């Protein structure tokens, strides 16, 4: 039962990362994303005007959440 719950954290991370990629870059093609990622490196997300995070770093954090959630490793083991 715990594995199913932890696996949902991984699903959430993967789905949200894909949603962010498609909403900002309008494509899911890896060749296109690789070509335009250098030029779009200066997009920042502001949270309540207190904290600013690079969009690509934010997406990578959700991919990391997906990886550790799907493998039930770091931070989710009990």
PDB file of N, CA and C in Angstrom:
ATOM      1  N   UNK A   1       0.827  -1.196   0.000  1.00  0.00           N
ATOM      2  CA  UNK A   1       0.000   0.000   0.000  1.00  0.00           C
ATOM      3  C   UNK A   1       0.870   1.258   0.000  1.00  0.00           C
ATOM      4  N   UNK A   2       1.960   1.228   0.781  1.00  0.00           N
ATOM      5  CA  UNK A   2       2.843   2.391   0.832  1.00  0.00           C
ATOM      6  C   UNK A   2       3.487   2.662  -0.514  1.00  0.00           C
ATOM      7  N   UNK A   3       3.825   1.577  -1.227  1.00  0.00           N
ATOM      8  CA  UNK A   3       4.473   1.739  -2.529  1.00  0.00           C
ATOM      9  C   UNK A   3       3.547   2.426  -3.519  1.00  0.00           C
ATOM     10  N   UNK A   4       2.264   2.133  -3.457  1.00  0.00           N
ATOM     11  CA  UNK A   4       1.319   2.782  -4.368  1.00  0.00           C
ATOM     12  C   UNK A   4       1.203   4.270  -4.074  1.00  0.00           C
ATOM     13  N   UNK A   5       1.214   4.628  -2.807  1.00  0.00           N
ATOM     14  CA  UNK A   5       1.119   6.045  -2.431  1.00  0.00           C
ATOM     15  C   UNK A   5       2.380   6.790  -2.838  1.00  0.00           C
ATOM     16  N   UNK A   6       3.533   6.192  -2.582  1.00  0.00           N
ATOM     17  CA  UNK A   6       4.798   6.828  -2.955  1.00  0.00           C
ATOM     18  C   UNK A   6       4.909   6.948  -4.464  1.00  0.00           C
ATOM     19  N   UNK A   7       4.394   5.952  -5.178  1.00  0.00           N
ATOM     20  CA  UNK A   7       4.428   5.975  -6.644  1.00  0.00           C
ATOM     21  C   UNK A   7       3.600   7.141  -7.193  1.00  0.00           C
ATOM     22  N   UNK A   8       2.561   7.547  -6.491  1.00  0.00           N
ATOM     23  CA  UNK A   8       1.738   8.686  -6.930  1.00  0.00           C
ATOM     24  C   UNK A   8       2.522   9.990  -6.862  1.00  0.00           C
ATOM     25  N   UNK A   9       3.454  10.111  -5.924  1.00  0.00           N
ATOM     26  CA  UNK A   9       4.319  11.295  -5.881  1.00  0.00           C
ATOM     27  C   UNK A   9       5.168  11.378  -7.141  1.00  0.00           C
ATOM     28  N   UNK A  10       5.667  10.239  -7.584  1.00  0.00           N
ATOM     29  CA  UNK A  10       6.438  10.195  -8.815  1.00  0.00           C
ATOM     30  C   UNK A  10       5.589  10.551 -10.024  1.00  0.00           C
ATOM     31  N   UNK A  11       4.357  10.065 -10.053  1.00  0.00           N
ATOM     32  CA  UNK A  11       3.453  10.402 -11.153  1.00  0.00           C
ATOM     33  C   UNK A  11       3.164  11.898 -11.180  1.00  0.00           C
ATOM     34  N   UNK A  12       2.922  12.485 -10.023  1.00  0.00           N
ATOM     35  CA  UNK A  12       2.662  13.919  -9.939  1.00  0.00           C
ATOM     36  C   UNK A  12       3.849  14.715 -10.470  1.00  0.00           C
ATOM     37  N   UNK A  13       5.055  14.349 -10.064  1.00  0.00           N
ATOM     38  CA  UNK A  13       6.250  15.059 -10.530  1.00  0.00           C
ATOM     39  C   UNK A  13       6.415  14.972 -12.031  1.00  0.00           C
ATOM     40  N   UNK A  14       6.203  13.790 -12.594  1.00  0.00           N
ATOM     41  CA  UNK A  14       6.350  13.608 -14.036  1.00  0.00           C
ATOM     42  C   UNK A  14       5.281  14.382 -14.802  1.00  0.00           C
ATOM     43  N   UNK A  15       4.044  14.277 -14.372  1.00  0.00           N
ATOM     44  CA  UNK A  15       2.958  14.971 -15.066  1.00  0.00           C
ATOM     45  C   UNK A  15       3.125  16.483 -15.005  1.00  0.00           C
ATOM     46  N   UNK A  16       3.517  16.992 -13.842  1.00  0.00           N
ATOM     47  CA  UNK A  16       3.662  18.435 -13.706  1.00  0.00           C
ATOM     48  C   UNK A  16       4.858  18.964 -14.502  1.00  0.00           C
ATOM     49  N   UNK A  17       5.939  18.190 -14.563  1.00  0.00           N
ATOM     50  CA  UNK A  17       7.094  18.599 -15.370  1.00  0.00           C
ATOM     51  C   UNK A  17       6.724  18.641 -16.851  1.00  0.00           C
ATOM     52  N   UNK A  18       6.000  17.643 -17.324  1.00  0.00           N
ATOM     53  CA  UNK A  18       5.574  17.628 -18.729  1.00  0.00           C
ATOM     54  C   UNK A  18       4.616  18.780 -19.001  1.00  0.00           C
ATOM     55  N   UNK A  19       3.723  19.062 -18.067  1.00  0.00           N
ATOM     56  CA  UNK A  19       2.787  20.177 -18.226  1.00  0.00           C
ATOM     57  C   UNK A  19       3.529  21.507 -18.314  1.00  0.00           C
ATOM     58  N   UNK A  20       4.529  21.708 -17.469  1.00  0.00           N
ATOM     59  CA  UNK A  20       5.315  22.947 -17.510  1.00  0.00           C
ATOM     60  C   UNK A  20       6.079  23.076 -18.821  1.00  0.00           C
ATOM     61  N   UNK A  21       6.678  21.992 -19.280  1.00  0.00           N
ATOM     62  CA  UNK A  21       7.420  22.034 -20.542  1.00  0.00           C
ATOM     63  C   UNK A  21       6.497  22.407 -21.688  1.00  0.00           C
ATOM     64  N   UNK A  22       5.343  21.767 -21.759  1.00  0.00           N
ATOM     65  CA  UNK A  22       4.441  22.055 -22.873  1.00  0.00           C
ATOM     66  C   UNK A  22       3.831  23.442 -22.775  1.00  0.00           C
ATOM     67  N   UNK A  23       3.528  23.915 -21.575  1.00  0.00           N
ATOM     68  CA  UNK A  23       2.893  25.222 -21.457  1.00  0.00           C
ATOM     69  C   UNK A  23       3.856  26.368 -21.761  1.00  0.00           C
ATOM     70  N   UNK A  24       5.140  26.221 -21.445  1.00  0.00           N
ATOM     71  CA  UNK A  24       6.087  27.303 -21.707  1.00  0.00           C
ATOM     72  C   UNK A  24       6.776  27.182 -23.050  1.00  0.00           C
ATOM     73  N   UNK A  25       7.112  25.955 -23.467  1.00  0.00           N
ATOM     74  CA  UNK A  25       7.888  25.778 -24.696  1.00  0.00           C
ATOM     75  C   UNK A  25       7.034  25.370 -25.890  1.00  0.00           C
ATOM     76  N   UNK A  26       5.780  24.983 -25.682  1.00  0.00           N
ATOM     77  CA  UNK A  26       4.818  24.620 -26.722  1.00  0.00           C
ATOM     78  C   UNK A  26       5.263  23.431 -27.575  1.00  0.00           C
ATOM     79  N   UNK A  27       6.094  22.573 -27.034  1.00  0.00           N
ATOM     80  CA  UNK A  27       6.514  21.368 -27.731  1.00  0.00           C
ATOM     81  C   UNK A  27       7.001  20.355 -26.713  1.00  0.00           C
ATOM     82  N   UNK A  28       6.988  19.080 -27.120  1.00  0.00           N
ATOM     83  CA  UNK A  28       7.553  18.019 -26.306  1.00  0.00           C
ATOM     84  C   UNK A  28       8.664  17.285 -27.051  1.00  0.00           C
ATOM     85  N   UNK A  29       9.064  17.806 -28.187  1.00  0.00           N
ATOM     86  CA  UNK A  29      10.127  17.210 -28.988  1.00  0.00           C
ATOM     87  C   UNK A  29      11.479  17.540 -28.358  1.00  0.00           C
ATOM     88  N   UNK A  30      12.265  16.499 -28.042  1.00  0.00           N
ATOM     89  CA  UNK A  30      13.524  16.715 -27.337  1.00  0.00           C
ATOM     90  C   UNK A  30      14.546  17.465 -28.188  1.00  0.00           C
ATOM     91  N   UNK A  31      14.557  17.256 -29.493  1.00  0.00           N
ATOM     92  CA  UNK A  31      15.503  17.985 -30.355  1.00  0.00           C
ATOM     93  C   UNK A  31      15.199  19.485 -30.341  1.00  0.00           C
ATOM     94  N   UNK A  32      13.937  19.824 -30.397  1.00  0.00           N
ATOM     95  CA  UNK A  32      13.543  21.230 -30.354  1.00  0.00           C
ATOM     96  C   UNK A  32      13.833  21.840 -28.986  1.00  0.00           C
ATOM     97  N   UNK A  33      13.523  21.100 -27.930  1.00  0.00           N
ATOM     98  CA  UNK A  33      13.795  21.604 -26.585  1.00  0.00           C
ATOM     99  C   UNK A  33      15.280  21.823 -26.357  1.00  0.00           C
ATOM    100  N   UNK A  34      16.098  20.928 -26.880  1.00  0.00           N
ATOM    101  CA  UNK A  34      17.539  21.080 -26.742  1.00  0.00           C
ATOM    102  C   UNK A  34      18.035  22.306 -27.503  1.00  0.00           C
ATOM    103  N   UNK A  35      17.449  22.573 -28.658  1.00  0.00           N
ATOM    104  CA  UNK A  35      17.884  23.715 -29.467  1.00  0.00           C
ATOM    105  C   UNK A  35      17.479  25.052 -28.847  1.00  0.00           C
ATOM    106  N   UNK A  36      16.300  25.127 -28.235  1.00  0.00           N
ATOM    107  CA  UNK A  36      15.828  26.420 -27.722  1.00  0.00           C
ATOM    108  C   UNK A  36      16.127  26.631 -26.246  1.00  0.00           C
ATOM    109  N   UNK A  37      16.620  25.620 -25.552  1.00  0.00           N
ATOM    110  CA  UNK A  37      16.817  25.757 -24.101  1.00  0.00           C
ATOM    111  C   UNK A  37      17.872  26.810 -23.756  1.00  0.00           C
ATOM    112  N   UNK A  38      18.876  26.956 -24.577  1.00  0.00           N
ATOM    113  CA  UNK A  38      19.909  27.951 -24.291  1.00  0.00           C
ATOM    114  C   UNK A  38      19.357  29.364 -24.403  1.00  0.00           C
ATOM    115  N   UNK A  39      18.483  29.595 -25.357  1.00  0.00           N
ATOM    116  CA  UNK A  39      17.947  30.938 -25.582  1.00  0.00           C
ATOM    117  C   UNK A  39      16.855  31.306 -24.577  1.00  0.00           C
ATOM    118  N   UNK A  40      16.234  30.317 -23.986  1.00  0.00           N
ATOM    119  CA  UNK A  40      15.163  30.582 -23.025  1.00  0.00           C
ATOM    120  C   UNK A  40      15.613  30.350 -21.593  1.00  0.00           C
ATOM    121  N   UNK A  41      16.887  30.493 -21.351  1.00  0.00           N
ATOM    122  CA  UNK A  41      17.444  30.241 -20.029  1.00  0.00           C
ATOM    123  C   UNK A  41      17.136  31.360 -19.037  1.00  0.00           C
ATOM    124  N   UNK A  42      16.673  32.489 -19.500  1.00  0.00           N
ATOM    125  CA  UNK A  42      16.442  33.624 -18.604  1.00  0.00           C
ATOM    126  C   UNK A  42      14.981  33.782 -18.194  1.00  0.00           C
ATOM    127  N   UNK A  43      14.194  32.720 -18.271  1.00  0.00           N
ATOM    128  CA  UNK A  43      12.806  32.758 -17.807  1.00  0.00           C
ATOM    129  C   UNK A  43      12.788  32.386 -16.333  1.00  0.00           C
ATOM    130  N   UNK A  44      12.233  33.266 -15.524  1.00  0.00           N
ATOM    131  CA  UNK A  44      12.168  33.034 -14.082  1.00  0.00           C
ATOM    132  C   UNK A  44      10.720  33.048 -13.629  1.00  0.00           C
ATOM    133  N   UNK A  45      10.426  32.220 -12.639  1.00  0.00           N
ATOM    134  CA  UNK A  45       9.120  32.207 -12.001  1.00  0.00           C
ATOM    135  C   UNK A  45       9.233  32.916 -10.664  1.00  0.00           C
ATOM    136  N   UNK A  46       8.365  33.873 -10.421  1.00  0.00           N
ATOM    137  CA  UNK A  46       8.384  34.626  -9.173  1.00  0.00           C
ATOM    138  C   UNK A  46       7.266  34.134  -8.267  1.00  0.00           C
ATOM    139  N   UNK A  47       7.609  33.874  -7.013  1.00  0.00           N
ATOM    140  CA  UNK A  47       6.638  33.424  -6.032  1.00  0.00           C
ATOM    141  C   UNK A  47       6.446  34.514  -4.995  1.00  0.00           C
ATOM    142  N   UNK A  48       5.315  35.178  -5.060  1.00  0.00           N
ATOM    143  CA  UNK A  48       4.936  36.229  -4.112  1.00  0.00           C
ATOM    144  C   UNK A  48       5.986  37.331  -4.012  1.00  0.00           C
ATOM    145  N   UNK A  49       6.699  37.585  -5.058  1.00  0.00           N
ATOM    146  CA  UNK A  49       7.749  38.605  -5.125  1.00  0.00           C
ATOM    147  C   UNK A  49       8.829  38.425  -4.060  1.00  0.00           C
ATOM    148  N   UNK A  50       8.930  37.234  -3.510  1.00  0.00           N
ATOM    149  CA  UNK A  50       9.945  36.956  -2.502  1.00  0.00           C
ATOM    150  C   UNK A  50      11.053  36.049  -3.028  1.00  0.00           C
ATOM    151  N   UNK A  51      10.671  35.118  -3.876  1.00  0.00           N
ATOM    152  CA  UNK A  51      11.619  34.118  -4.337  1.00  0.00           C
ATOM    153  C   UNK A  51      11.483  33.950  -5.841  1.00  0.00           C
ATOM    154  N   UNK A  52      12.596  33.900  -6.515  1.00  0.00           N
ATOM    155  CA  UNK A  52      12.611  33.741  -7.962  1.00  0.00           C
ATOM    156  C   UNK A  52      13.402  32.486  -8.315  1.00  0.00           C
ATOM    157  N   UNK A  53      12.846  31.656  -9.196  1.00  0.00           N
ATOM    158  CA  UNK A  53      13.483  30.401  -9.564  1.00  0.00           C
ATOM    159  C   UNK A  53      13.485  30.271 -11.074  1.00  0.00           C
ATOM    160  N   UNK A  54      14.607  29.834 -11.600  1.00  0.00           N
ATOM    161  CA  UNK A  54      14.726  29.624 -13.034  1.00  0.00           C
ATOM    162  C   UNK A  54      13.748  28.527 -13.461  1.00  0.00           C
ATOM    163  N   UNK A  55      13.084  28.709 -14.595  1.00  0.00           N
ATOM    164  CA  UNK A  55      12.082  27.757 -15.065  1.00  0.00           C
ATOM    165  C   UNK A  55      12.691  26.391 -15.316  1.00  0.00           C
ATOM    166  N   UNK A  56      13.855  26.340 -15.907  1.00  0.00           N
ATOM    167  CA  UNK A  56      14.477  25.050 -16.204  1.00  0.00           C
ATOM    168  C   UNK A  56      14.871  24.319 -14.922  1.00  0.00           C
ATOM    169  N   UNK A  57      15.298  25.033 -13.916  1.00  0.00           N
ATOM    170  CA  UNK A  57      15.607  24.405 -12.631  1.00  0.00           C
ATOM    171  C   UNK A  57      14.343  23.895 -11.956  1.00  0.00           C
ATOM    172  N   UNK A  58      13.260  24.629 -12.100  1.00  0.00           N
ATOM    173  CA  UNK A  58      11.977  24.237 -11.531  1.00  0.00           C
ATOM    174  C   UNK A  58      11.483  22.940 -12.174  1.00  0.00           C
ATOM    175  N   UNK A  59      11.612  22.847 -13.491  1.00  0.00           N
ATOM    176  CA  UNK A  59      11.216  21.633 -14.203  1.00  0.00           C
ATOM    177  C   UNK A  59      12.100  20.460 -13.785  1.00  0.00           C
ATOM    178  N   UNK A  60      13.385  20.703 -13.626  1.00  0.00           N
ATOM    179  CA  UNK A  60      14.306  19.637 -13.196  1.00  0.00           C
ATOM    180  C   UNK A  60      13.970  19.145 -11.796  1.00  0.00           C
ATOM    181  N   UNK A  61      13.512  20.025 -10.933  1.00  0.00           N
ATOM    182  CA  UNK A  61      13.107  19.598  -9.592  1.00  0.00           C
ATOM    183  C   UNK A  61      11.927  18.640  -9.659  1.00  0.00           C
ATOM    184  N   UNK A  62      10.985  18.884 -10.549  1.00  0.00           N
ATOM    185  CA  UNK A  62       9.859  17.973 -10.687  1.00  0.00           C
ATOM    186  C   UNK A  62      10.266  16.654 -11.333  1.00  0.00           C
ATOM    187  N   UNK A  63      11.218  16.682 -12.262  1.00  0.00           N
ATOM    188  CA  UNK A  63      11.741  15.428 -12.801  1.00  0.00           C
ATOM    189  C   UNK A  63      12.464  14.641 -11.714  1.00  0.00           C
ATOM    190  N   UNK A  64      13.184  15.325 -10.833  1.00  0.00           N
ATOM    191  CA  UNK A  64      13.857  14.657  -9.724  1.00  0.00           C
ATOM    192  C   UNK A  64      12.837  14.035  -8.778  1.00  0.00           C
ATOM    193  N   UNK A  65      11.751  14.754  -8.503  1.00  0.00           N
ATOM    194  CA  UNK A  65      10.683  14.205  -7.684  1.00  0.00           C
ATOM    195  C   UNK A  65      10.096  12.958  -8.334  1.00  0.00           C
ATOM    196  N   UNK A  66       9.962  12.974  -9.645  1.00  0.00           N
ATOM    197  CA  UNK A  66       9.445  11.807 -10.361  1.00  0.00           C
ATOM    198  C   UNK A  66      10.392  10.622 -10.247  1.00  0.00           C
ATOM    199  N   UNK A  67      11.670  10.876 -10.365  1.00  0.00           N
ATOM    200  CA  UNK A  67      12.643   9.785 -10.296  1.00  0.00           C
ATOM    201  C   UNK A  67      12.673   9.153  -8.912  1.00  0.00           C
ATOM    202  N   UNK A  68      12.727   9.966  -7.870  1.00  0.00           N
ATOM    203  CA  UNK A  68      12.793   9.378  -6.535  1.00  0.00           C
ATOM    204  C   UNK A  68      11.448   8.789  -6.119  1.00  0.00           C
ATOM    205  N   UNK A  69      10.354   9.301  -6.655  1.00  0.00           N
ATOM    206  CA  UNK A  69       9.044   8.731  -6.341  1.00  0.00           C
ATOM    207  C   UNK A  69       8.811   7.411  -7.036  1.00  0.00           C
ATOM    208  N   UNK A  70       9.232   7.301  -8.272  1.00  0.00           N
ATOM    209  CA  UNK A  70       9.034   6.068  -9.019  1.00  0.00           C
ATOM    210  C   UNK A  70       9.943   4.952  -8.532  1.00  0.00           C
ATOM    211  N   UNK A  71      11.118   5.302  -8.034  1.00  0.00           N
ATOM    212  CA  UNK A  71      12.024   4.262  -7.569  1.00  0.00           C
ATOM    213  C   UNK A  71      11.885   4.023  -6.060  1.00  0.00           C
ATOM    214  N   UNK A  72      11.063   4.813  -5.396  1.00  0.00           N
ATOM    215  CA  UNK A  72      10.826   4.712  -3.948  1.00  0.00           C
ATOM    216  C   UNK A  72      12.145   4.760  -3.180  1.00  0.00           C
ATOM    217  N   UNK A  73      12.966   5.704  -3.501  1.00  0.00           N
ATOM    218  CA  UNK A  73      14.282   5.822  -2.881  1.00  0.00           C
ATOM    219  C   UNK A  73      14.323   7.043  -1.972  1.00  0.00           C
ATOM    220  N   UNK A  74      15.356   7.816  -2.097  1.00  0.00           N
ATOM    221  CA  UNK A  74      15.714   8.941  -1.255  1.00  0.00           C
ATOM    222  C   UNK A  74      14.510   9.775  -0.797  1.00  0.00           C
ATOM    223  N   UNK A  75      14.297   9.837   0.479  1.00  0.00           N
ATOM    224  CA  UNK A  75      13.278  10.699   1.040  1.00  0.00           C
ATOM    225  C   UNK A  75      11.908  10.063   1.174  1.00  0.00           C
ATOM    226  N   UNK A  76      11.642   8.992   0.455  1.00  0.00           N
ATOM    227  CA  UNK A  76      10.315   8.375   0.508  1.00  0.00           C
ATOM    228  C   UNK A  76      10.319   6.987   1.141  1.00  0.00           C
ATOM    229  N   UNK A  77      11.465   6.458   1.467  1.00  0.00           N
ATOM    230  CA  UNK A  77      11.480   5.139   2.084  1.00  0.00           C
ATOM    231  C   UNK A  77      11.074   5.249   3.555  1.00  0.00           C
ATOM    232  N   UNK A  78      10.480   4.205   4.063  1.00  0.00           N
ATOM    233  CA  UNK A  78      10.034   4.223   5.463  1.00  0.00           C
ATOM    234  C   UNK A  78      10.588   3.047   6.220  1.00  0.00           C
TER     235      UNK A  78
END
